[in-house]
C-alpha cells in the first residue's frame, strides 16, 4: 500500500517510492510503500501500477532503499492504495506478521464470522490462515487477485469457505479483456461447489463522486448476480466516497431487480 494524502501527479515528472521509512508523509514527489524489498524486485524499464492501475510509473532506477520512477500519465494518487508490478512475483507471505496480529488479536477475540484473505496463491495459504484462528469456525474467503491464484483455483476453492473475485489487482495481472471470463469461471465453479462467491472492485466506482452510477456499472452489478455471485461488494465507494448511503441503496435496488429476474 501507499501512504499519503491525495496528490496530483503529471506525466513525465520524477516520482520516488520510499521503501525503508514508512513514517514519511507523501507529497507530489514521493510516497512511502510497505514492501521493503521492492528495489530488489524491479529493474529499469518495468512498470509499477498503483491504485488499480490508474497510476502508472516506469522504473528509472532501483537503489538500496528507494525506487526512482517516471510518471506515465496525469493522475491523482490517493492514500493507502495498492501497488502492483505485473509479471513480478513479490516475495512476501500471504499471512505475514501484520495478518497474524490482526487475526489473533482482533478477529478471534471479536468472534469474526469471516476473514477475507488477500492474494491467496495456493491452498497452503488458506491452511496457514486457519492455523491462527484458535480453532474457531471462522469462514475464510480467499481473494483471487493473481495469475498464481487462478492457476491454483481448484485447490484454493476446496480449502476455503468461499472466494472473492478481486478484479482490481487481478485486472493488473491479466489482460483487461479476459477479466469477464475469469469472473464467470470462478463464480460458476464456486457455486457448483456450494461455496460463497463474492464479486468485488469498482462495481459502482463512479458513485465515489456522483449520487448515481453509470449505466454500465448498473449492468455490471446485475450481471454479477446473474453469473452466480452470493454477494457483491462495495469498497472505495463507501470508504472514501461522498455518497456512501446512496451507493448502498442503489446496489440493493439493482441486486433485488436482478434476483427477481432469476425467479
Foldseek 3Di string as FASTA:
>chain_A
DWAEAKAKEAAFDKAKEFQPDQVDHDYRHYTYDPHQCVLVFDDAQFWKAKQLRQWIWGFDHRDNGMTMTGTHHTDIDHGPIDMDGAPTDRPDQQCDPVNLCCQQVPCQVVVHQEDEGEPDQALVSLVVSVVSNVPDNRFYEYEHQAPSCLVRVVRNLVNGQHYEDACRNNCVHDPVVCSVVSLLVNQVVNVVVVHAYEYEDPLQVVLLEDLDGDPVSLVSLLVSVVSHHPYYDDDCNQVRGPHNVSVVVSSVVSNVVSVVVVD
